[in-house]
PDB file of N, CA and C in Angstrom:
ATOM      1  N   UNK A   1     132.975 163.607 126.318  1.00  0.00           N
ATOM      2  CA  UNK A   1     133.195 163.285 127.601  1.00  0.00           C
ATOM      3  C   UNK A   1     134.119 161.887 127.701  1.00  0.00           C
ATOM      4  N   UNK A   2     134.810 161.817 128.273  1.00  0.00           N
ATOM      5  CA  UNK A   2     136.240 160.423 128.545  1.00  0.00           C
ATOM      6  C   UNK A   2     136.061 159.576 129.482  1.00  0.00           C
ATOM      7  N   UNK A   3     136.443 158.908 129.685  1.00  0.00           N
ATOM      8  CA  UNK A   3     136.451 157.994 131.201  1.00  0.00           C
ATOM      9  C   UNK A   3     137.445 157.598 130.983  1.00  0.00           C
ATOM     10  N   UNK A   4     138.548 157.906 132.935  1.00  0.00           N
ATOM     11  CA  UNK A   4     140.058 158.507 132.909  1.00  0.00           C
ATOM     12  C   UNK A   4     139.679 156.961 132.746  1.00  0.00           C
ATOM     13  N   UNK A   5     139.845 156.200 133.858  1.00  0.00           N
ATOM     14  CA  UNK A   5     139.877 154.562 133.560  1.00  0.00           C
ATOM     15  C   UNK A   5     140.001 153.531 132.707  1.00  0.00           C
ATOM     16  N   UNK A   6     139.930 152.897 132.571  1.00  0.00           N
ATOM     17  CA  UNK A   6     140.311 151.534 131.314  1.00  0.00           C
ATOM     18  C   UNK A   6     140.036 149.953 131.740  1.00  0.00           C
ATOM     19  N   UNK A   7     139.026 149.711 130.709  1.00  0.00           N
ATOM     20  CA  UNK A   7     137.888 148.477 130.681  1.00  0.00           C
ATOM     21  C   UNK A   7     138.661 147.677 129.895  1.00  0.00           C
ATOM     22  N   UNK A   8     138.084 145.845 130.116  1.00  0.00           N
ATOM     23  CA  UNK A   8     139.072 145.135 129.344  1.00  0.00           C
ATOM     24  C   UNK A   8     138.543 145.108 128.544  1.00  0.00           C
ATOM     25  N   UNK A   9     138.120 145.112 127.003  1.00  0.00           N
ATOM     26  CA  UNK A   9     138.148 144.296 125.939  1.00  0.00           C
ATOM     27  C   UNK A   9     136.214 143.823 126.346  1.00  0.00           C
ATOM     28  N   UNK A  10     136.655 141.970 126.378  1.00  0.00           N
ATOM     29  CA  UNK A  10     135.280 142.068 127.842  1.00  0.00           C
ATOM     30  C   UNK A  10     134.238 143.288 127.015  1.00  0.00           C
ATOM     31  N   UNK A  11     133.962 143.703 128.829  1.00  0.00           N
ATOM     32  CA  UNK A  11     133.741 144.608 129.053  1.00  0.00           C
ATOM     33  C   UNK A  11     132.887 145.793 127.668  1.00  0.00           C
ATOM     34  N   UNK A  12     133.336 145.881 127.432  1.00  0.00           N
ATOM     35  CA  UNK A  12     132.786 146.971 125.912  1.00  0.00           C
ATOM     36  C   UNK A  12     132.400 145.827 125.322  1.00  0.00           C
ATOM     37  N   UNK A  13     132.967 144.897 125.002  1.00  0.00           N
ATOM     38  CA  UNK A  13     131.928 144.008 124.057  1.00  0.00           C
ATOM     39  C   UNK A  13     130.826 143.496 124.510  1.00  0.00           C
ATOM     40  N   UNK A  14     131.119 144.001 125.603  1.00  0.00           N
ATOM     41  CA  UNK A  14     129.211 142.974 126.528  1.00  0.00           C
ATOM     42  C   UNK A  14     128.474 144.175 126.857  1.00  0.00           C
ATOM     43  N   UNK A  15     129.308 145.543 126.699  1.00  0.00           N
ATOM     44  CA  UNK A  15     127.962 146.660 127.365  1.00  0.00           C
ATOM     45  C   UNK A  15     127.394 147.166 125.954  1.00  0.00           C
ATOM     46  N   UNK A  16     128.341 147.043 124.939  1.00  0.00           N
ATOM     47  CA  UNK A  16     128.111 147.521 122.876  1.00  0.00           C
ATOM     48  C   UNK A  16     126.971 146.331 123.273  1.00  0.00           C
ATOM     49  N   UNK A  17     127.067 144.832 123.303  1.00  0.00           N
ATOM     50  CA  UNK A  17     125.553 144.634 122.666  1.00  0.00           C
ATOM     51  C   UNK A  17     125.125 144.728 123.465  1.00  0.00           C
ATOM     52  N   UNK A  18     124.016 144.746 124.516  1.00  0.00           N
ATOM     53  CA  UNK A  18     123.820 145.136 125.454  1.00  0.00           C
ATOM     54  C   UNK A  18     123.012 146.557 124.554  1.00  0.00           C
ATOM     55  N   UNK A  19     123.694 147.150 124.300  1.00  0.00           N
ATOM     56  CA  UNK A  19     123.256 148.728 124.151  1.00  0.00           C
ATOM     57  C   UNK A  19     122.749 148.072 122.970  1.00  0.00           C
ATOM     58  N   UNK A  20     122.702 147.758 121.747  1.00  0.00           N
ATOM     59  CA  UNK A  20     122.061 147.395 121.023  1.00  0.00           C
ATOM     60  C   UNK A  20     121.346 146.155 120.722  1.00  0.00           C
ATOM     61  N   UNK A  21     121.317 145.660 121.753  1.00  0.00           N
ATOM     62  CA  UNK A  21     119.956 144.649 121.909  1.00  0.00           C
ATOM     63  C   UNK A  21     120.664 143.600 121.136  1.00  0.00           C
ATOM     64  N   UNK A  22     121.750 143.164 121.592  1.00  0.00           N
ATOM     65  CA  UNK A  22     122.435 141.375 120.685  1.00  0.00           C
ATOM     66  C   UNK A  22     122.488 140.257 121.776  1.00  0.00           C
ATOM     67  N   UNK A  23     122.015 140.886 122.402  1.00  0.00           N
ATOM     68  CA  UNK A  23     122.478 139.847 124.003  1.00  0.00           C
ATOM     69  C   UNK A  23     121.952 138.104 123.289  1.00  0.00           C
ATOM     70  N   UNK A  24     120.361 138.530 122.781  1.00  0.00           N
ATOM     71  CA  UNK A  24     119.227 137.782 122.980  1.00  0.00           C
ATOM     72  C   UNK A  24     120.150 136.555 121.692  1.00  0.00           C
ATOM     73  N   UNK A  25     120.409 137.704 120.542  1.00  0.00           N
ATOM     74  CA  UNK A  25     120.780 136.036 119.551  1.00  0.00           C
ATOM     75  C   UNK A  25     122.074 135.711 120.377  1.00  0.00           C
ATOM     76  N   UNK A  26     122.946 136.679 121.187  1.00  0.00           N
ATOM     77  CA  UNK A  26     124.186 135.815 121.067  1.00  0.00           C
ATOM     78  C   UNK A  26     123.724 134.415 121.750  1.00  0.00           C
ATOM     79  N   UNK A  27     123.160 135.071 122.801  1.00  0.00           N
ATOM     80  CA  UNK A  27     122.930 134.040 123.583  1.00  0.00           C
ATOM     81  C   UNK A  27     121.907 132.845 123.031  1.00  0.00           C
ATOM     82  N   UNK A  28     121.192 132.697 121.972  1.00  0.00           N
ATOM     83  CA  UNK A  28     121.146 131.817 121.349  1.00  0.00           C
ATOM     84  C   UNK A  28     122.371 130.826 120.722  1.00  0.00           C
ATOM     85  N   UNK A  29     123.177 131.795 120.147  1.00  0.00           N
ATOM     86  CA  UNK A  29     124.276 130.924 119.097  1.00  0.00           C
ATOM     87  C   UNK A  29     124.350 130.270 120.745  1.00  0.00           C
ATOM     88  N   UNK A  30     125.061 130.899 121.347  1.00  0.00           N
ATOM     89  CA  UNK A  30     126.217 129.850 122.986  1.00  0.00           C
ATOM     90  C   UNK A  30     124.763 128.979 122.723  1.00  0.00           C
ATOM     91  N   UNK A  31     123.463 128.679 122.987  1.00  0.00           N
ATOM     92  CA  UNK A  31     123.659 127.565 124.051  1.00  0.00           C
ATOM     93  C   UNK A  31     123.623 126.790 122.774  1.00  0.00           C
ATOM     94  N   UNK A  32     123.839 126.649 121.799  1.00  0.00           N
ATOM     95  CA  UNK A  32     124.363 125.888 120.309  1.00  0.00           C
ATOM     96  C   UNK A  32     124.913 125.159 120.637  1.00  0.00           C
ATOM     97  N   UNK A  33     126.455 125.806 121.129  1.00  0.00           N
ATOM     98  CA  UNK A  33     127.415 125.320 121.417  1.00  0.00           C
ATOM     99  C   UNK A  33     127.210 124.690 123.339  1.00  0.00           C
ATOM    100  N   UNK A  34     126.036 124.688 123.813  1.00  0.00           N
ATOM    101  CA  UNK A  34     126.799 124.184 124.643  1.00  0.00           C
ATOM    102  C   UNK A  34     125.845 122.758 124.810  1.00  0.00           C
ATOM    103  N   UNK A  35     125.319 123.234 123.717  1.00  0.00           N
ATOM    104  CA  UNK A  35     124.921 121.441 124.377  1.00  0.00           C
ATOM    105  C   UNK A  35     125.823 120.533 123.943  1.00  0.00           C
ATOM    106  N   UNK A  36     126.844 120.322 123.134  1.00  0.00           N
ATOM    107  CA  UNK A  36     127.520 119.290 123.633  1.00  0.00           C
ATOM    108  C   UNK A  36     129.004 118.576 123.900  1.00  0.00           C
ATOM    109  N   UNK A  37     128.854 120.581 124.581  1.00  0.00           N
ATOM    110  CA  UNK A  37     130.106 120.803 126.388  1.00  0.00           C
ATOM    111  C   UNK A  37     129.646 119.683 127.672  1.00  0.00           C
ATOM    112  N   UNK A  38     127.502 119.996 127.131  1.00  0.00           N
ATOM    113  CA  UNK A  38     127.193 119.538 127.812  1.00  0.00           C
ATOM    114  C   UNK A  38     126.516 118.034 128.129  1.00  0.00           C
ATOM    115  N   UNK A  39     126.204 117.495 127.269  1.00  0.00           N
ATOM    116  CA  UNK A  39     125.014 116.230 127.185  1.00  0.00           C
ATOM    117  C   UNK A  39     126.939 115.362 126.254  1.00  0.00           C
ATOM    118  N   UNK A  40     127.820 116.500 126.294  1.00  0.00           N
ATOM    119  CA  UNK A  40     129.068 115.162 125.433  1.00  0.00           C
ATOM    120  C   UNK A  40     129.277 114.741 123.951  1.00  0.00           C
ATOM    121  N   UNK A  41     130.363 114.953 124.283  1.00  0.00           N
ATOM    122  CA  UNK A  41     130.627 114.268 122.382  1.00  0.00           C
ATOM    123  C   UNK A  41     129.095 113.270 122.264  1.00  0.00           C
ATOM    124  N   UNK A  42     129.157 112.079 122.619  1.00  0.00           N
ATOM    125  CA  UNK A  42     128.525 111.399 122.031  1.00  0.00           C
ATOM    126  C   UNK A  42     127.604 111.094 121.973  1.00  0.00           C
ATOM    127  N   UNK A  43     126.564 112.163 122.311  1.00  0.00           N
ATOM    128  CA  UNK A  43     125.626 113.066 122.125  1.00  0.00           C
ATOM    129  C   UNK A  43     125.874 113.747 121.138  1.00  0.00           C
ATOM    130  N   UNK A  44     126.338 114.724 120.509  1.00  0.00           N
ATOM    131  CA  UNK A  44     126.847 115.228 119.346  1.00  0.00           C
ATOM    132  C   UNK A  44     126.840 114.492 118.168  1.00  0.00           C
ATOM    133  N   UNK A  45     127.739 113.725 118.182  1.00  0.00           N
ATOM    134  CA  UNK A  45     128.308 113.017 117.365  1.00  0.00           C
ATOM    135  C   UNK A  45     126.311 112.808 116.435  1.00  0.00           C
ATOM    136  N   UNK A  46     125.339 112.517 117.539  1.00  0.00           N
ATOM    137  CA  UNK A  46     124.275 111.508 116.995  1.00  0.00           C
ATOM    138  C   UNK A  46     123.308 113.188 116.907  1.00  0.00           C
ATOM    139  N   UNK A  47     123.890 113.997 117.425  1.00  0.00           N
ATOM    140  CA  UNK A  47     122.933 115.268 116.533  1.00  0.00           C
ATOM    141  C   UNK A  47     123.372 115.821 115.744  1.00  0.00           C
ATOM    142  N   UNK A  48     122.020 116.189 114.590  1.00  0.00           N
ATOM    143  CA  UNK A  48     122.233 115.775 113.805  1.00  0.00           C
ATOM    144  C   UNK A  48     122.526 118.297 113.138  1.00  0.00           C
ATOM    145  N   UNK A  49     121.528 118.667 113.383  1.00  0.00           N
ATOM    146  CA  UNK A  49     120.926 120.164 113.596  1.00  0.00           C
ATOM    147  C   UNK A  49     120.523 119.943 114.688  1.00  0.00           C
ATOM    148  N   UNK A  50     120.869 121.918 115.425  1.00  0.00           N
ATOM    149  CA  UNK A  50     120.282 122.420 116.345  1.00  0.00           C
ATOM    150  C   UNK A  50     120.065 123.253 115.711  1.00  0.00           C
ATOM    151  N   UNK A  51     118.443 124.217 116.087  1.00  0.00           N
ATOM    152  CA  UNK A  51     118.331 125.616 115.178  1.00  0.00           C
ATOM    153  C   UNK A  51     117.434 126.528 117.565  1.00  0.00           C
ATOM    154  N   UNK A  52     117.895 127.113 117.564  1.00  0.00           N
ATOM    155  CA  UNK A  52     117.253 127.756 118.407  1.00  0.00           C
ATOM    156  C   UNK A  52     116.778 129.133 117.310  1.00  0.00           C
ATOM    157  N   UNK A  53     114.731 129.129 117.915  1.00  0.00           N
ATOM    158  CA  UNK A  53     114.043 130.055 117.324  1.00  0.00           C
ATOM    159  C   UNK A  53     113.216 129.928 118.200  1.00  0.00           C
ATOM    160  N   UNK A  54     113.081 131.862 118.516  1.00  0.00           N
ATOM    161  CA  UNK A  54     111.659 132.454 119.601  1.00  0.00           C
ATOM    162  C   UNK A  54     112.423 131.500 121.083  1.00  0.00           C
ATOM    163  N   UNK A  55     112.577 131.183 121.292  1.00  0.00           N
ATOM    164  CA  UNK A  55     113.187 130.876 122.607  1.00  0.00           C
ATOM    165  C   UNK A  55     112.615 128.748 122.399  1.00  0.00           C
ATOM    166  N   UNK A  56     112.879 128.024 121.579  1.00  0.00           N
ATOM    167  CA  UNK A  56     112.338 127.343 121.723  1.00  0.00           C
ATOM    168  C   UNK A  56     113.955 126.636 120.955  1.00  0.00           C
ATOM    169  N   UNK A  57     114.679 125.477 121.729  1.00  0.00           N
ATOM    170  CA  UNK A  57     115.988 124.759 121.427  1.00  0.00           C
ATOM    171  C   UNK A  57     116.081 123.857 120.059  1.00  0.00           C
ATOM    172  N   UNK A  58     115.014 123.742 120.011  1.00  0.00           N
ATOM    173  CA  UNK A  58     114.814 122.184 117.910  1.00  0.00           C
ATOM    174  C   UNK A  58     116.105 121.243 117.672  1.00  0.00           C
ATOM    175  N   UNK A  59     115.903 120.114 118.419  1.00  0.00           N
ATOM    176  CA  UNK A  59     117.231 119.118 117.707  1.00  0.00           C
ATOM    177  C   UNK A  59     117.065 118.229 117.050  1.00  0.00           C
ATOM    178  N   UNK A  60     117.844 118.483 116.314  1.00  0.00           N
ATOM    179  CA  UNK A  60     117.038 117.003 115.159  1.00  0.00           C
ATOM    180  C   UNK A  60     118.826 115.645 115.582  1.00  0.00           C
ATOM    181  N   UNK A  61     117.485 114.763 116.307  1.00  0.00           N
ATOM    182  CA  UNK A  61     118.486 113.551 116.407  1.00  0.00           C
ATOM    183  C   UNK A  61     118.436 112.568 115.617  1.00  0.00           C
ATOM    184  N   UNK A  62     119.634 111.404 115.303  1.00  0.00           N
ATOM    185  CA  UNK A  62     119.696 111.195 114.389  1.00  0.00           C
ATOM    186  C   UNK A  62     119.437 109.379 115.063  1.00  0.00           C
ATOM    187  N   UNK A  63     119.552 108.546 115.593  1.00  0.00           N
ATOM    188  CA  UNK A  63     118.731 107.932 116.476  1.00  0.00           C
ATOM    189  C   UNK A  63     117.456 108.190 117.631  1.00  0.00           C
ATOM    190  N   UNK A  64     116.317 107.458 117.160  1.00  0.00           N
ATOM    191  CA  UNK A  64     115.210 107.581 118.134  1.00  0.00           C
ATOM    192  C   UNK A  64     115.482 105.934 118.779  1.00  0.00           C
ATOM    193  N   UNK A  65     116.904 105.823 120.158  1.00  0.00           N
ATOM    194  CA  UNK A  65     116.858 105.593 121.209  1.00  0.00           C
ATOM    195  C   UNK A  65     117.313 106.668 121.398  1.00  0.00           C
ATOM    196  N   UNK A  66     117.786 106.839 121.284  1.00  0.00           N
ATOM    197  CA  UNK A  66     119.015 108.085 122.006  1.00  0.00           C
ATOM    198  C   UNK A  66     117.983 109.539 121.865  1.00  0.00           C
ATOM    199  N   UNK A  67     116.506 109.927 120.998  1.00  0.00           N
ATOM    200  CA  UNK A  67     115.816 110.825 121.551  1.00  0.00           C
ATOM    201  C   UNK A  67     114.476 110.422 122.691  1.00  0.00           C
ATOM    202  N   UNK A  68     114.229 109.114 122.883  1.00  0.00           N
ATOM    203  CA  UNK A  68     113.919 108.578 123.668  1.00  0.00           C
ATOM    204  C   UNK A  68     114.271 108.793 125.388  1.00  0.00           C
ATOM    205  N   UNK A  69     115.501 108.335 125.435  1.00  0.00           N
ATOM    206  CA  UNK A  69     116.516 108.282 125.698  1.00  0.00           C
ATOM    207  C   UNK A  69     116.706 110.380 126.950  1.00  0.00           C
ATOM    208  N   UNK A  70     117.029 110.919 126.267  1.00  0.00           N
ATOM    209  CA  UNK A  70     117.358 112.027 126.226  1.00  0.00           C
ATOM    210  C   UNK A  70     115.213 113.288 126.817  1.00  0.00           C
ATOM    211  N   UNK A  71     113.773 112.758 126.304  1.00  0.00           N
ATOM    212  CA  UNK A  71     112.792 113.208 126.300  1.00  0.00           C
ATOM    213  C   UNK A  71     112.855 113.690 127.720  1.00  0.00           C
ATOM    214  N   UNK A  72     113.666 112.073 128.497  1.00  0.00           N
ATOM    215  CA  UNK A  72     112.825 112.973 129.568  1.00  0.00           C
ATOM    216  C   UNK A  72     113.732 113.838 130.870  1.00  0.00           C
ATOM    217  N   UNK A  73     114.917 113.918 129.708  1.00  0.00           N
ATOM    218  CA  UNK A  73     115.710 115.097 130.757  1.00  0.00           C
ATOM    219  C   UNK A  73     115.474 116.324 129.613  1.00  0.00           C
ATOM    220  N   UNK A  74     114.273 116.164 129.089  1.00  0.00           N
ATOM    221  CA  UNK A  74     114.480 117.882 128.736  1.00  0.00           C
ATOM    222  C   UNK A  74     114.585 119.021 129.448  1.00  0.00           C
ATOM    223  N   UNK A  75     113.547 119.363 130.843  1.00  0.00           N
ATOM    224  CA  UNK A  75     113.843 119.936 131.365  1.00  0.00           C
ATOM    225  C   UNK A  75     115.346 120.469 131.792  1.00  0.00           C
ATOM    226  N   UNK A  76     115.709 119.414 132.126  1.00  0.00           N
ATOM    227  CA  UNK A  76     116.744 119.870 132.892  1.00  0.00           C
ATOM    228  C   UNK A  76     118.451 120.331 132.296  1.00  0.00           C
ATOM    229  N   UNK A  77     118.208 119.992 131.129  1.00  0.00           N
ATOM    230  CA  UNK A  77     118.438 120.508 129.892  1.00  0.00           C
ATOM    231  C   UNK A  77     118.210 121.124 129.941  1.00  0.00           C
ATOM    232  N   UNK A  78     117.884 122.150 129.955  1.00  0.00           N
ATOM    233  CA  UNK A  78     117.176 123.777 129.374  1.00  0.00           C
ATOM    234  C   UNK A  78     116.891 124.246 130.471  1.00  0.00           C
ATOM    235  N   UNK A  79     116.722 123.865 131.619  1.00  0.00           N
ATOM    236  CA  UNK A  79     117.360 124.379 132.973  1.00  0.00           C
ATOM    237  C   UNK A  79     119.556 124.970 133.121  1.00  0.00           C
ATOM    238  N   UNK A  80     120.018 123.805 132.547  1.00  0.00           N
ATOM    239  CA  UNK A  80     121.409 123.604 131.848  1.00  0.00           C
ATOM    240  C   UNK A  80     122.271 125.308 131.393  1.00  0.00           C
ATOM    241  N   UNK A  81     121.370 124.367 130.508  1.00  0.00           N
ATOM    242  CA  UNK A  81     121.650 125.312 130.109  1.00  0.00           C
ATOM    243  C   UNK A  81     121.430 127.215 129.716  1.00  0.00           C
ATOM    244  N   UNK A  82     120.617 127.042 130.642  1.00  0.00           N
ATOM    245  CA  UNK A  82     119.727 128.365 131.058  1.00  0.00           C
ATOM    246  C   UNK A  82     121.143 128.890 132.097  1.00  0.00           C
ATOM    247  N   UNK A  83     120.999 128.319 133.011  1.00  0.00           N
ATOM    248  CA  UNK A  83     122.394 128.529 134.216  1.00  0.00           C
ATOM    249  C   UNK A  83     122.842 128.861 133.801  1.00  0.00           C
ATOM    250  N   UNK A  84     124.212 128.160 132.404  1.00  0.00           N
ATOM    251  CA  UNK A  84     125.362 128.511 132.116  1.00  0.00           C
ATOM    252  C   UNK A  84     125.278 129.372 131.066  1.00  0.00           C
ATOM    253  N   UNK A  85     123.712 130.472 130.745  1.00  0.00           N
ATOM    254  CA  UNK A  85     124.570 131.544 130.061  1.00  0.00           C
ATOM    255  C   UNK A  85     123.893 132.406 131.155  1.00  0.00           C
ATOM    256  N   UNK A  86     123.558 131.930 131.986  1.00  0.00           N
ATOM    257  CA  UNK A  86     122.676 133.833 133.027  1.00  0.00           C
ATOM    258  C   UNK A  86     122.121 134.572 133.159  1.00  0.00           C
ATOM    259  N   UNK A  87     121.443 132.892 131.485  1.00  0.00           N
ATOM    260  CA  UNK A  87     119.596 133.473 131.802  1.00  0.00           C
ATOM    261  C   UNK A  87     118.999 132.945 130.616  1.00  0.00           C
ATOM    262  N   UNK A  88     116.870 132.837 130.690  1.00  0.00           N
ATOM    263  CA  UNK A  88     116.365 132.476 130.716  1.00  0.00           C
ATOM    264  C   UNK A  88     116.496 132.346 128.949  1.00  0.00           C
ATOM    265  N   UNK A  89     117.004 132.013 128.029  1.00  0.00           N
ATOM    266  CA  UNK A  89     116.987 132.332 126.574  1.00  0.00           C
ATOM    267  C   UNK A  89     116.502 131.476 126.386  1.00  0.00           C
ATOM    268  N   UNK A  90     116.319 130.018 126.693  1.00  0.00           N
ATOM    269  CA  UNK A  90     115.569 128.896 126.450  1.00  0.00           C
ATOM    270  C   UNK A  90     115.141 128.054 127.069  1.00  0.00           C
ATOM    271  N   UNK A  91     113.616 128.520 126.571  1.00  0.00           N
ATOM    272  CA  UNK A  91     113.030 127.856 127.033  1.00  0.00           C
ATOM    273  C   UNK A  91     111.384 126.970 127.193  1.00  0.00           C
ATOM    274  N   UNK A  92     111.843 126.050 125.564  1.00  0.00           N
ATOM    275  CA  UNK A  92     112.168 124.198 125.993  1.00  0.00           C
ATOM    276  C   UNK A  92     113.310 124.075 124.674  1.00  0.00           C
ATOM    277  N   UNK A  93     113.125 122.774 124.891  1.00  0.00           N
ATOM    278  CA  UNK A  93     114.005 121.338 123.879  1.00  0.00           C
ATOM    279  C   UNK A  93     112.414 120.588 123.256  1.00  0.00           C
ATOM    280  N   UNK A  94     112.716 120.567 122.525  1.00  0.00           N
ATOM    281  CA  UNK A  94     112.496 119.638 121.297  1.00  0.00           C
ATOM    282  C   UNK A  94     112.751 118.619 120.478  1.00  0.00           C
ATOM    283  N   UNK A  95     113.228 117.964 120.580  1.00  0.00           N
ATOM    284  CA  UNK A  95     113.588 116.646 119.626  1.00  0.00           C
ATOM    285  C   UNK A  95     112.742 116.586 118.829  1.00  0.00           C
ATOM    286  N   UNK A  96     113.620 115.826 117.606  1.00  0.00           N
ATOM    287  CA  UNK A  96     112.669 115.702 116.082  1.00  0.00           C
ATOM    288  C   UNK A  96     114.396 114.883 116.345  1.00  0.00           C
TER     289      UNK A  96
END
């Protein structure tokens, strides 16, 4: 049975991802891209690698000074990422 209405491709892709259970992985990838958007280019340049695993965002930094500065902001960063994602994908930010 076909629907008589037309839908935007964005809605179709989102529905397909939800149906196949791909939303969580998409949100993990999106969270990595949000890191530089939220914290800016300066922090992004000092970031070596970002890995999201089991709801934990593990961020490898080049600077111990930056790591100490961001340590107190971990919860706020986590909340902002989840707010922009629209779901509770990231439970913890681990700085290394």
